[in-house]
Amino acid sequence: MSMSCTTGQLCTATSAAKQTPDTPDVALVRSIAAGDKHAMRILFARHNVRVFRFVLRLVGDNSAAEDLVSEVFLDVWRQAGRFQGRSQVTTWLLAIARNKTLSALRRRSTEELRQLLPAHREIIDLVYYHEKSIDEVAEIAGVPPNTVKTRMFYACKRIAELMAAQGIDRAVVCDTYA
């Protein structure tokens, strides 16, 4: 921290490196850990839509998704000091979102059956919408890569069944995993 003062003005503490929209995510998380609200605003602006869409596809409810995104970024504020940089910040954010969402879904004991199991929806979302690799999905989901592949296979199989029921050719669905 440095102090900048001019005659007749109030002295203010300024960061040695001012956070900008171009600041890397890892640097933003370090600044957030130090209590930098501006860095938090930048990280939120950069990633809230991605996290919202991920959560929305899992819960299927806009209001619930908005609440969960707020909880995710509140956790980021609280846990930024624990981020060790072993993964990308987006992977860390999506893992927090996943855990929050699964907890919320467990609390919904009367939730109606979905067309796809939550674990299958999650895998489809991460692979196709977020373009994550099998290894990255495994890290986010906290399961081995082979489990990701198995879930992907069964998710694609179920999607193909649903599409066939609608009269859509199943050959175009997840051909890599069929």
C-alpha atoms as a PDB file:
ATOM      1  CA  MET A   1       0.000   0.000   0.000  1.00  0.00           C
ATOM      2  CA  SER A   2       1.190   3.498  -0.718  1.00  0.00           C
ATOM      3  CA  MET A   3      -0.128   6.794   0.506  1.00  0.00           C
ATOM      4  CA  SER A   4      -0.975   9.530  -1.937  1.00  0.00           C
ATOM      5  CA  CYS A   5      -1.488  12.989  -0.516  1.00  0.00           C
ATOM      6  CA  THR A   6      -1.696  16.497  -1.860  1.00  0.00           C
ATOM      7  CA  THR A   7      -1.823  19.708   0.105  1.00  0.00           C
ATOM      8  CA  GLY A   8      -5.314  20.386   1.404  1.00  0.00           C
ATOM      9  CA  GLN A   9      -6.645  16.948   0.460  1.00  0.00           C
ATOM     10  CA  LEU A  10      -7.330  13.887   2.512  1.00  0.00           C
ATOM     11  CA  CYS A  11      -4.607  11.218   2.339  1.00  0.00           C
ATOM     12  CA  THR A  12      -5.891   7.930   0.880  1.00  0.00           C
ATOM     13  CA  ALA A  13      -4.369   4.489   0.738  1.00  0.00           C
ATOM     14  CA  THR A  14      -4.144   3.132  -2.795  1.00  0.00           C
ATOM     15  CA  SER A  15      -3.207  -0.319  -4.009  1.00  0.00           C
ATOM     16  CA  ALA A  16       0.184  -0.601  -5.618  1.00  0.00           C
ATOM     17  CA  ALA A  17      -1.533  -2.373  -8.531  1.00  0.00           C
ATOM     18  CA  LYS A  18      -4.996  -1.017  -9.326  1.00  0.00           C
ATOM     19  CA  GLN A  19      -7.433  -3.718 -10.435  1.00  0.00           C
ATOM     20  CA  THR A  20      -8.765  -3.285 -13.973  1.00  0.00           C
ATOM     21  CA  PRO A  21     -11.123  -5.336 -16.157  1.00  0.00           C
ATOM     22  CA  ASP A  22      -7.977  -6.866 -17.749  1.00  0.00           C
ATOM     23  CA  THR A  23      -6.551  -8.125 -14.440  1.00  0.00           C
ATOM     24  CA  PRO A  24      -6.126 -11.947 -14.481  1.00  0.00           C
ATOM     25  CA  ASP A  25      -8.611 -13.946 -12.404  1.00  0.00           C
ATOM     26  CA  VAL A  26      -5.910 -15.311 -10.096  1.00  0.00           C
ATOM     27  CA  ALA A  27      -4.743 -11.777  -9.242  1.00  0.00           C
ATOM     28  CA  LEU A  28      -8.347 -10.765  -8.581  1.00  0.00           C
ATOM     29  CA  VAL A  29      -8.812 -13.672  -6.164  1.00  0.00           C
ATOM     30  CA  ARG A  30      -5.615 -12.677  -4.318  1.00  0.00           C
ATOM     31  CA  SER A  31      -6.932  -9.108  -4.052  1.00  0.00           C
ATOM     32  CA  ILE A  32     -10.326 -10.367  -2.880  1.00  0.00           C
ATOM     33  CA  ALA A  33      -8.563 -12.364  -0.162  1.00  0.00           C
ATOM     34  CA  ALA A  34      -7.057  -9.062   0.981  1.00  0.00           C
ATOM     35  CA  GLY A  35     -10.534  -7.495   1.137  1.00  0.00           C
ATOM     36  CA  ASP A  36     -10.562  -5.657  -2.211  1.00  0.00           C
ATOM     37  CA  LYS A  37     -14.234  -5.036  -3.038  1.00  0.00           C
ATOM     38  CA  HIS A  38     -13.377  -3.591  -6.453  1.00  0.00           C
ATOM     39  CA  ALA A  39     -11.647  -6.852  -7.410  1.00  0.00           C
ATOM     40  CA  MET A  40     -14.755  -8.722  -6.244  1.00  0.00           C
ATOM     41  CA  ARG A  41     -16.952  -6.558  -8.483  1.00  0.00           C
ATOM     42  CA  ILE A  42     -14.709  -7.292 -11.474  1.00  0.00           C
ATOM     43  CA  LEU A  43     -14.670 -11.049 -10.822  1.00  0.00           C
ATOM     44  CA  PHE A  44     -18.447 -11.070 -10.352  1.00  0.00           C
ATOM     45  CA  ALA A  45     -19.033  -9.090 -13.553  1.00  0.00           C
ATOM     46  CA  ARG A  46     -16.719 -11.413 -15.455  1.00  0.00           C
ATOM     47  CA  HIS A  47     -18.213 -14.728 -14.271  1.00  0.00           C
ATOM     48  CA  ASN A  48     -21.711 -14.294 -12.839  1.00  0.00           C
ATOM     49  CA  VAL A  49     -23.512 -15.065 -16.119  1.00  0.00           C
ATOM     50  CA  ARG A  50     -21.509 -18.274 -16.658  1.00  0.00           C
ATOM     51  CA  VAL A  51     -22.161 -19.427 -13.091  1.00  0.00           C
ATOM     52  CA  PHE A  52     -25.849 -18.454 -13.354  1.00  0.00           C
ATOM     53  CA  ARG A  53     -26.341 -20.448 -16.561  1.00  0.00           C
ATOM     54  CA  PHE A  54     -24.606 -23.481 -15.078  1.00  0.00           C
ATOM     55  CA  VAL A  55     -26.739 -23.366 -11.935  1.00  0.00           C
ATOM     56  CA  LEU A  56     -29.936 -22.614 -13.871  1.00  0.00           C
ATOM     57  CA  ARG A  57     -29.505 -25.684 -16.042  1.00  0.00           C
ATOM     58  CA  LEU A  58     -29.192 -27.790 -12.896  1.00  0.00           C
ATOM     59  CA  VAL A  59     -32.065 -26.301 -10.876  1.00  0.00           C
ATOM     60  CA  GLY A  60     -34.366 -25.169 -13.689  1.00  0.00           C
ATOM     61  CA  ASP A  61     -35.614 -22.141 -11.754  1.00  0.00           C
ATOM     62  CA  ASN A  62     -34.458 -18.537 -12.340  1.00  0.00           C
ATOM     63  CA  SER A  63     -35.116 -17.333  -8.814  1.00  0.00           C
ATOM     64  CA  ALA A  64     -33.367 -20.287  -7.192  1.00  0.00           C
ATOM     65  CA  ALA A  65     -30.437 -19.890  -9.600  1.00  0.00           C
ATOM     66  CA  GLU A  66     -30.083 -16.187  -8.741  1.00  0.00           C
ATOM     67  CA  ASP A  67     -30.066 -17.005  -5.030  1.00  0.00           C
ATOM     68  CA  LEU A  68     -27.444 -19.707  -5.527  1.00  0.00           C
ATOM     69  CA  VAL A  69     -25.209 -17.395  -7.578  1.00  0.00           C
ATOM     70  CA  SER A  70     -25.334 -14.892  -4.722  1.00  0.00           C
ATOM     71  CA  GLU A  71     -24.320 -17.649  -2.319  1.00  0.00           C
ATOM     72  CA  VAL A  72     -21.483 -18.733  -4.620  1.00  0.00           C
ATOM     73  CA  PHE A  73     -19.951 -15.266  -4.780  1.00  0.00           C
ATOM     74  CA  LEU A  74     -20.468 -14.752  -1.050  1.00  0.00           C
ATOM     75  CA  ASP A  75     -18.416 -17.938  -0.575  1.00  0.00           C
ATOM     76  CA  VAL A  76     -15.791 -16.575  -2.972  1.00  0.00           C
ATOM     77  CA  TRP A  77     -15.538 -13.463  -0.794  1.00  0.00           C
ATOM     78  CA  ARG A  78     -15.205 -15.588   2.342  1.00  0.00           C
ATOM     79  CA  GLN A  79     -12.913 -18.285   0.914  1.00  0.00           C
ATOM     80  CA  ALA A  80     -10.657 -16.367  -1.489  1.00  0.00           C
ATOM     81  CA  GLY A  81      -7.733 -16.812   0.878  1.00  0.00           C
ATOM     82  CA  ARG A  82      -8.085 -20.585   0.560  1.00  0.00           C
ATOM     83  CA  PHE A  83      -7.755 -20.590  -3.238  1.00  0.00           C
ATOM     84  CA  GLN A  84      -4.434 -22.282  -3.971  1.00  0.00           C
ATOM     85  CA  GLY A  85      -4.284 -21.870  -7.724  1.00  0.00           C
ATOM     86  CA  ARG A  86      -4.184 -25.599  -8.470  1.00  0.00           C
ATOM     87  CA  SER A  87      -6.961 -25.083 -11.017  1.00  0.00           C
ATOM     88  CA  GLN A  88      -8.360 -22.242 -13.071  1.00  0.00           C
ATOM     89  CA  VAL A  89     -10.518 -19.745 -11.207  1.00  0.00           C
ATOM     90  CA  THR A  90     -13.477 -20.713 -13.423  1.00  0.00           C
ATOM     91  CA  THR A  91     -13.058 -24.353 -12.380  1.00  0.00           C
ATOM     92  CA  TRP A  92     -13.019 -23.283  -8.728  1.00  0.00           C
ATOM     93  CA  LEU A  93     -16.129 -21.117  -9.208  1.00  0.00           C
ATOM     94  CA  LEU A  94     -18.041 -23.895 -10.953  1.00  0.00           C
ATOM     95  CA  ALA A  95     -17.056 -26.367  -8.225  1.00  0.00           C
ATOM     96  CA  ILE A  96     -18.428 -24.002  -5.563  1.00  0.00           C
ATOM     97  CA  ALA A  97     -21.580 -23.527  -7.671  1.00  0.00           C
ATOM     98  CA  ARG A  98     -21.952 -27.285  -8.087  1.00  0.00           C
ATOM     99  CA  ASN A  99     -21.667 -27.936  -4.355  1.00  0.00           C
ATOM    100  CA  LYS A 100     -24.144 -25.175  -3.500  1.00  0.00           C
ATOM    101  CA  THR A 101     -26.577 -26.397  -6.143  1.00  0.00           C
ATOM    102  CA  LEU A 102     -26.409 -30.051  -5.111  1.00  0.00           C
ATOM    103  CA  SER A 103     -27.039 -29.039  -1.510  1.00  0.00           C
ATOM    104  CA  ALA A 104     -30.054 -26.995  -2.601  1.00  0.00           C
ATOM    105  CA  LEU A 105     -31.381 -29.879  -4.691  1.00  0.00           C
ATOM    106  CA  ARG A 106     -31.021 -32.280  -1.770  1.00  0.00           C
ATOM    107  CA  ARG A 107     -33.104 -29.901   0.341  1.00  0.00           C
ATOM    108  CA  ARG A 108     -35.866 -30.129  -2.246  1.00  0.00           C
ATOM    109  CA  SER A 109     -37.030 -33.560  -1.151  1.00  0.00           C
ATOM    110  CA  THR A 110     -40.349 -33.214  -2.972  1.00  0.00           C
ATOM    111  CA  GLU A 111     -38.754 -32.224  -6.286  1.00  0.00           C
ATOM    112  CA  GLU A 112     -40.430 -33.858  -9.274  1.00  0.00           C
ATOM    113  CA  LEU A 113     -38.443 -36.384 -11.322  1.00  0.00           C
ATOM    114  CA  ARG A 114     -36.474 -34.748 -14.086  1.00  0.00           C
ATOM    115  CA  GLN A 115     -35.899 -36.102 -17.553  1.00  0.00           C
ATOM    116  CA  LEU A 116     -32.172 -36.489 -16.736  1.00  0.00           C
ATOM    117  CA  LEU A 117     -30.572 -37.286 -13.416  1.00  0.00           C
ATOM    118  CA  PRO A 118     -28.849 -34.247 -11.832  1.00  0.00           C
ATOM    119  CA  ALA A 119     -25.428 -35.919 -12.170  1.00  0.00           C
ATOM    120  CA  HIS A 120     -26.087 -36.445 -15.881  1.00  0.00           C
ATOM    121  CA  ARG A 121     -27.356 -32.877 -16.430  1.00  0.00           C
ATOM    122  CA  GLU A 122     -24.248 -31.599 -14.681  1.00  0.00           C
ATOM    123  CA  ILE A 123     -21.885 -33.565 -16.939  1.00  0.00           C
ATOM    124  CA  ILE A 124     -23.704 -32.516 -20.120  1.00  0.00           C
ATOM    125  CA  ASP A 125     -23.637 -28.894 -18.991  1.00  0.00           C
ATOM    126  CA  LEU A 126     -19.943 -28.846 -18.143  1.00  0.00           C
ATOM    127  CA  VAL A 127     -18.824 -30.685 -21.291  1.00  0.00           C
ATOM    128  CA  TYR A 128     -21.045 -29.032 -23.887  1.00  0.00           C
ATOM    129  CA  TYR A 129     -21.844 -25.577 -22.520  1.00  0.00           C
ATOM    130  CA  HIS A 130     -18.650 -24.848 -20.613  1.00  0.00           C
ATOM    131  CA  GLU A 131     -16.404 -26.846 -22.942  1.00  0.00           C
ATOM    132  CA  LYS A 132     -14.558 -28.451 -20.042  1.00  0.00           C
ATOM    133  CA  SER A 133     -12.326 -31.479 -20.612  1.00  0.00           C
ATOM    134  CA  ILE A 134     -13.055 -34.841 -18.984  1.00  0.00           C
ATOM    135  CA  ASP A 135     -10.266 -34.162 -16.461  1.00  0.00           C
ATOM    136  CA  GLU A 136     -11.615 -30.693 -15.633  1.00  0.00           C
ATOM    137  CA  VAL A 137     -15.149 -32.081 -15.195  1.00  0.00           C
ATOM    138  CA  ALA A 138     -13.732 -34.797 -12.945  1.00  0.00           C
ATOM    139  CA  GLU A 139     -12.051 -32.134 -10.803  1.00  0.00           C
ATOM    140  CA  ILE A 140     -15.197 -29.985 -10.608  1.00  0.00           C
ATOM    141  CA  ALA A 141     -17.452 -32.951  -9.828  1.00  0.00           C
ATOM    142  CA  GLY A 142     -14.961 -34.587  -7.483  1.00  0.00           C
ATOM    143  CA  VAL A 143     -15.130 -37.946  -9.271  1.00  0.00           C
ATOM    144  CA  PRO A 144     -12.645 -40.005 -11.327  1.00  0.00           C
ATOM    145  CA  PRO A 145     -12.444 -39.327 -15.097  1.00  0.00           C
ATOM    146  CA  ASN A 146     -13.903 -42.773 -15.853  1.00  0.00           C
ATOM    147  CA  THR A 147     -16.993 -41.880 -13.795  1.00  0.00           C
ATOM    148  CA  VAL A 148     -17.382 -38.739 -15.904  1.00  0.00           C
ATOM    149  CA  LYS A 149     -17.209 -40.869 -19.063  1.00  0.00           C
ATOM    150  CA  THR A 150     -19.761 -43.332 -17.691  1.00  0.00           C
ATOM    151  CA  ARG A 151     -22.160 -40.553 -16.686  1.00  0.00           C
ATOM    152  CA  MET A 152     -21.688 -38.957 -20.097  1.00  0.00           C
ATOM    153  CA  PHE A 153     -22.512 -42.262 -21.805  1.00  0.00           C
ATOM    154  CA  TYR A 154     -25.738 -42.741 -19.822  1.00  0.00           C
ATOM    155  CA  ALA A 155     -26.737 -39.087 -20.162  1.00  0.00           C
ATOM    156  CA  CYS A 156     -26.302 -39.291 -23.940  1.00  0.00           C
ATOM    157  CA  LYS A 157     -28.227 -42.558 -24.028  1.00  0.00           C
ATOM    158  CA  ARG A 158     -31.122 -40.953 -22.128  1.00  0.00           C
ATOM    159  CA  ILE A 159     -31.074 -37.863 -24.365  1.00  0.00           C
ATOM    160  CA  ALA A 160     -31.188 -40.146 -27.404  1.00  0.00           C
ATOM    161  CA  GLU A 161     -34.216 -41.959 -25.926  1.00  0.00           C
ATOM    162  CA  LEU A 162     -35.979 -38.670 -25.238  1.00  0.00           C
ATOM    163  CA  MET A 163     -35.216 -37.413 -28.734  1.00  0.00           C
ATOM    164  CA  ALA A 164     -36.391 -40.676 -30.308  1.00  0.00           C
ATOM    165  CA  ALA A 165     -39.661 -40.309 -28.415  1.00  0.00           C
ATOM    166  CA  GLN A 166     -40.011 -36.904 -30.091  1.00  0.00           C
ATOM    167  CA  GLY A 167     -39.210 -38.379 -33.512  1.00  0.00           C
ATOM    168  CA  ILE A 168     -35.681 -36.927 -33.695  1.00  0.00           C
ATOM    169  CA  ASP A 169     -32.869 -39.098 -35.127  1.00  0.00           C
ATOM    170  CA  ARG A 170     -30.658 -40.327 -32.274  1.00  0.00           C
ATOM    171  CA  ALA A 171     -27.549 -40.548 -34.492  1.00  0.00           C
ATOM    172  CA  VAL A 172     -26.853 -36.839 -33.953  1.00  0.00           C
ATOM    173  CA  VAL A 173     -26.724 -37.128 -30.147  1.00  0.00           C
ATOM    174  CA  CYS A 174     -23.393 -37.550 -28.375  1.00  0.00           C
ATOM    175  CA  ASP A 175     -21.933 -39.737 -31.135  1.00  0.00           C
ATOM    176  CA  THR A 176     -18.560 -39.669 -29.367  1.00  0.00           C
ATOM    177  CA  TYR A 177     -19.937 -41.469 -26.305  1.00  0.00           C
ATOM    178  CA  ALA A 178     -22.455 -43.838 -27.976  1.00  0.00           C
END
